Protein backbone atom coordinates (compact mmCIF):
# COMPACT_ATOMS: atom_id res chain seq x y z
CA UNK A 1 -21.57 114.33 69.58
CA UNK A 2 -23.40 115.22 72.77
CA UNK A 3 -22.34 114.52 76.36
CA UNK A 4 -24.45 111.36 76.71
CA UNK A 5 -22.87 109.89 73.59
CA UNK A 6 -19.37 110.79 74.78
CA UNK A 7 -20.07 109.27 78.20
CA UNK A 8 -21.09 106.05 76.46
CA UNK A 9 -18.04 106.13 74.20
CA UNK A 10 -15.63 106.71 77.10
CA UNK A 11 -17.38 104.00 79.14
CA UNK A 12 -17.01 101.50 76.29
CA UNK A 13 -13.36 102.47 75.82
CA UNK A 14 -12.79 101.96 79.56
CA UNK A 15 -14.35 98.51 79.42
CA UNK A 16 -12.21 97.69 76.37
CA UNK A 17 -9.08 98.87 78.23
CA UNK A 18 -10.00 96.84 81.31
CA UNK A 19 -10.72 93.74 79.24
CA UNK A 20 -7.49 94.18 77.31
CA UNK A 21 -5.57 94.62 80.55
CA UNK A 22 -7.06 91.46 82.02
CA UNK A 23 -6.29 89.46 78.85
CA UNK A 24 -2.74 90.82 78.84
CA UNK A 25 -2.27 89.78 82.47
CA UNK A 26 -3.65 86.31 81.65
CA UNK A 27 -1.22 85.97 78.72
CA UNK A 28 1.65 87.04 80.97
CA UNK A 29 0.69 84.59 83.71
CA UNK A 30 0.28 81.79 81.17
CA UNK A 31 3.69 82.58 79.68
CA UNK A 32 5.36 82.55 83.09
CA UNK A 33 3.59 79.33 84.06
CA UNK A 34 5.46 77.59 81.29
CA UNK A 35 2.69 77.57 78.74
CA UNK A 36 3.98 78.49 75.37
CA UNK A 37 3.54 82.06 74.23
CA UNK A 38 3.90 82.06 70.48
CA UNK A 39 6.69 84.10 68.98
CA UNK A 40 4.10 86.08 67.02
CA UNK A 41 2.33 87.12 70.23
CA UNK A 42 5.61 87.84 71.99
CA UNK A 43 6.94 89.91 69.06
CA UNK A 44 3.72 91.85 68.49
CA UNK A 45 3.38 92.50 72.21
CA UNK A 46 6.95 93.71 72.45
CA UNK A 47 6.60 96.13 69.54
CA UNK A 48 3.06 97.32 70.21
CA UNK A 49 2.85 97.47 74.01
CA UNK A 50 4.29 100.97 74.44
CA UNK A 51 2.35 102.59 71.55
CA UNK A 52 -0.89 101.01 72.80
CA UNK A 53 -0.13 102.10 76.38
CA UNK A 54 0.50 105.62 75.04
CA UNK A 55 -2.85 105.55 73.19
CA UNK A 56 -4.61 104.59 76.43
CA UNK A 57 -2.85 107.36 78.38
CA UNK A 58 -3.49 109.97 75.67
CA UNK A 59 -7.17 109.01 75.41
CA UNK A 60 -7.52 109.12 79.20
CA UNK A 61 -5.90 112.55 79.32
CA UNK A 62 -8.10 113.86 76.49
CA UNK A 63 -11.20 112.51 78.23
CA UNK A 64 -10.34 114.12 81.55
CA UNK A 65 -9.61 117.44 79.85
CA UNK A 66 -12.91 117.22 77.97
CA UNK A 67 -14.84 116.56 81.17
CA UNK A 68 -13.27 119.48 83.04
CA UNK A 69 -12.72 122.06 80.31
CA UNK A 70 -15.70 121.44 77.98
CA UNK A 71 -18.35 119.71 80.09
CA UNK A 72 -17.50 121.83 83.13
CA UNK A 73 -17.10 118.96 85.61
CA UNK A 74 -15.04 120.20 88.57
CA UNK A 75 -12.36 117.62 89.47
CA UNK A 76 -12.17 116.52 93.09
CA UNK A 77 -8.89 116.12 94.96
CA UNK A 78 -8.54 112.44 94.03
CA UNK A 79 -9.25 113.28 90.37
CA UNK A 80 -6.32 115.70 90.49
CA UNK A 81 -4.05 113.02 91.93
CA UNK A 82 -5.08 110.63 89.14
CA UNK A 83 -4.31 113.35 86.59
CA UNK A 84 -0.88 113.85 88.18
CA UNK A 85 -0.19 110.19 87.40
CA UNK A 86 -1.86 110.00 83.95
CA UNK A 87 -0.74 113.20 82.21
CA UNK A 88 3.02 112.56 82.45
CA UNK A 89 2.38 109.00 81.24
CA UNK A 90 1.03 110.38 77.96
CA UNK A 91 4.29 112.27 77.35
CA UNK A 92 6.67 109.61 78.70
CA UNK A 93 5.02 106.82 76.69
CA UNK A 94 4.91 108.94 73.52
CA UNK A 95 8.66 109.60 73.73
CA UNK A 96 9.35 105.95 74.57
CA UNK A 97 7.20 104.78 71.65
CA UNK A 98 8.95 107.10 69.20
CA UNK A 99 12.37 106.01 70.48
CA UNK A 100 11.27 102.34 70.70
CA UNK A 101 12.55 102.42 74.27
CA UNK A 102 10.61 99.78 76.21
CA UNK A 103 13.04 99.93 79.12
CA UNK A 104 12.40 103.61 79.86
CA UNK A 105 8.67 103.14 79.33
CA UNK A 106 8.65 100.38 81.88
CA UNK A 107 11.04 102.06 84.34
CA UNK A 108 9.17 105.38 84.35
CA UNK A 109 5.67 104.25 83.39
CA UNK A 110 4.98 101.38 85.77
CA UNK A 111 5.48 103.35 89.03
CA UNK A 112 3.30 106.23 87.78
CA UNK A 113 0.58 103.94 86.45
CA UNK A 114 0.62 101.73 89.56
CA UNK A 115 0.29 104.81 91.79
CA UNK A 116 -2.59 106.09 89.66
CA UNK A 117 -4.17 102.63 89.79
CA UNK A 118 -4.17 102.66 93.59
CA UNK A 119 -5.65 106.15 93.77
CA UNK A 120 -8.31 105.26 91.18
CA UNK A 121 -9.26 102.10 93.04
CA UNK A 122 -9.63 104.01 96.31
CA UNK A 123 -11.63 106.73 94.55
CA UNK A 124 -13.94 104.19 92.91
CA UNK A 125 -14.46 102.41 96.25
CA UNK A 126 -15.47 105.76 97.78
CA UNK A 127 -18.13 106.06 95.08
CA UNK A 128 -19.35 102.50 95.54
CA UNK A 129 -19.45 102.93 99.33
CA UNK A 130 -20.66 106.52 99.88
CA UNK A 131 -20.75 105.98 103.64
CA UNK A 132 -16.93 105.86 103.65
CA UNK A 133 -15.43 109.19 104.50
CA UNK A 134 -12.65 110.25 102.19
CA UNK A 135 -9.84 112.04 103.96
CA UNK A 136 -8.75 113.67 100.68
CA UNK A 137 -12.25 114.89 99.84
CA UNK A 138 -13.68 118.34 100.36
CA UNK A 139 -17.22 119.45 101.03
CA UNK A 140 -17.26 121.67 97.93
CA UNK A 141 -16.23 118.88 95.52
CA UNK A 142 -16.91 115.52 97.20
CA UNK A 143 -14.93 112.54 95.92
CA UNK A 144 -17.94 110.22 96.06
CA UNK A 145 -20.02 112.36 93.67
CA UNK A 146 -20.59 110.73 90.26
CA UNK A 147 -20.45 113.03 87.26
CA UNK A 148 -20.82 110.00 84.99
CA UNK A 149 -22.65 106.72 85.62
CA UNK A 150 -22.86 104.38 82.64
CA UNK A 151 -24.18 100.82 82.89
CA UNK A 152 -24.75 101.44 86.61
CA UNK A 153 -21.07 101.10 87.53
CA UNK A 154 -18.80 102.95 85.09
CA UNK A 155 -17.78 106.31 86.54
CA UNK A 156 -14.81 108.58 85.87
CA UNK A 157 -12.65 106.88 88.55
CA UNK A 158 -13.59 103.49 87.05
CA UNK A 159 -12.50 104.77 83.64
CA UNK A 160 -9.16 105.89 85.10
CA UNK A 161 -8.77 102.55 86.91
CA UNK A 162 -9.36 100.72 83.63
CA UNK A 163 -6.80 102.85 81.81
CA UNK A 164 -4.17 102.39 84.50
CA UNK A 165 -4.85 98.62 84.51
CA UNK A 166 -4.23 98.37 80.77
CA UNK A 167 -1.07 100.49 80.95
CA UNK A 168 0.47 98.52 83.84
CA UNK A 169 -0.41 95.20 82.20
CA UNK A 170 1.07 96.19 78.84
CA UNK A 171 4.27 97.54 80.34
CA UNK A 172 4.84 94.68 82.79
CA UNK A 173 3.97 91.79 80.47
CA UNK A 174 5.35 92.93 77.13
CA UNK A 175 7.63 95.96 77.47
CA UNK A 176 10.34 93.78 79.03
CA UNK A 177 10.60 91.84 75.78
CA UNK A 178 12.50 94.57 73.93
């Protein structure tokens, strides 16, 4: 598989994660609004939320490692901050999934993923608005440079934002149901 094919694959996975995160949030809002959430959805969400969140974090980590170590893309400062949030999530969520410990996944995972989400959003906005000056960016590796641009809007920070969205949504909506 060449780089163009992997870019497309990672972009599609990011869109799937974002869509899944949005649907999960909608299900959570509907459930809290008093609309009935079926026991099947509640049970499946409770049992699968942490393993799915781990799969998103592990895929995100593998993708970022591929881009830097294989493709040779030099991470900017904000990319490093996003990695600092995502990489521990892969380990924390794996342990929580094995132990079936939704409480720990939520307690440790939500703050990390929410922090990564904020950094990713800021990073993506820097790319969308190149005239903004990023205080965390350097001249040698600018934060508004796009190594990947699929469909005209999917970049590496967008991919990270999508992954963090899915993880936060899964942990907030379903991990509490344990």
